[in-house]
Amino acid sequence: MNPIFLWFITNPGLEQTVISELKKKPFVKEAHEIFGVPYSVIAKIEVNSMDEFARTIRPDMHKISGLEAIAPAFVLDDSVQAKEPHRREDVARTTFLVTYHDGLFGVGKREKMSKTLLEVNGVTKAYDLFTPDMSIHLGWTAISVVEAQNQRELDDIVRRIHDKLRRKYVGAPHVTRLH
């Protein structure tokens, strides 16, 4: 099954406690503190089925103390896109997550944002997501993994992402540092 991204709203100051608890779970592949309103943590999980997620994992997540809300974003089938990064190995790089939310405007004319994102130099992986939780937001979201060696390079990549996507979608990129 494709991964599921979970955005968490935590009680203030408990972000690292929540991340520690998440990383103990065998189905959690990554967990990171993020800086954006209203979310404070994002995790990538892998499950065998939606039934497993609904019956076992989601209730298990709610047992973690310090959580106020969880918003799942489901990766659409066949939407995971990846390519080898073009980079020099001798240059230190930082990994960022760039999310681009389109709202309901793109539903009728749905094309995979992930394929468009991979056309941008600097994007190494991209996912198309559907976020069904109307209390947070409803619509299409694309997540891309970007590596940059400095703020200037990151700003340039984000500008290219926005230039590429704004022709078809409504929204703006949101950047979160992962490592």
Foldseek 3Di string as FASTA:
>chain_A
DAKKKKFFQFAPPCQVVLQVVLVVDPQWPDKFAWDDPPTGMMTIGDDDDVCCCVPPVVVVSVPRPGTDDMWMWDFDPPQKDFDDADDDPVADKFKKKKKWFFAAPCPVVDDRLQVLLVVQHFWGIKTWIATPPVVVGGGIMMITMGIDRDPVRVVVSQVVSCVRPVVPGDGGMDMTTGD
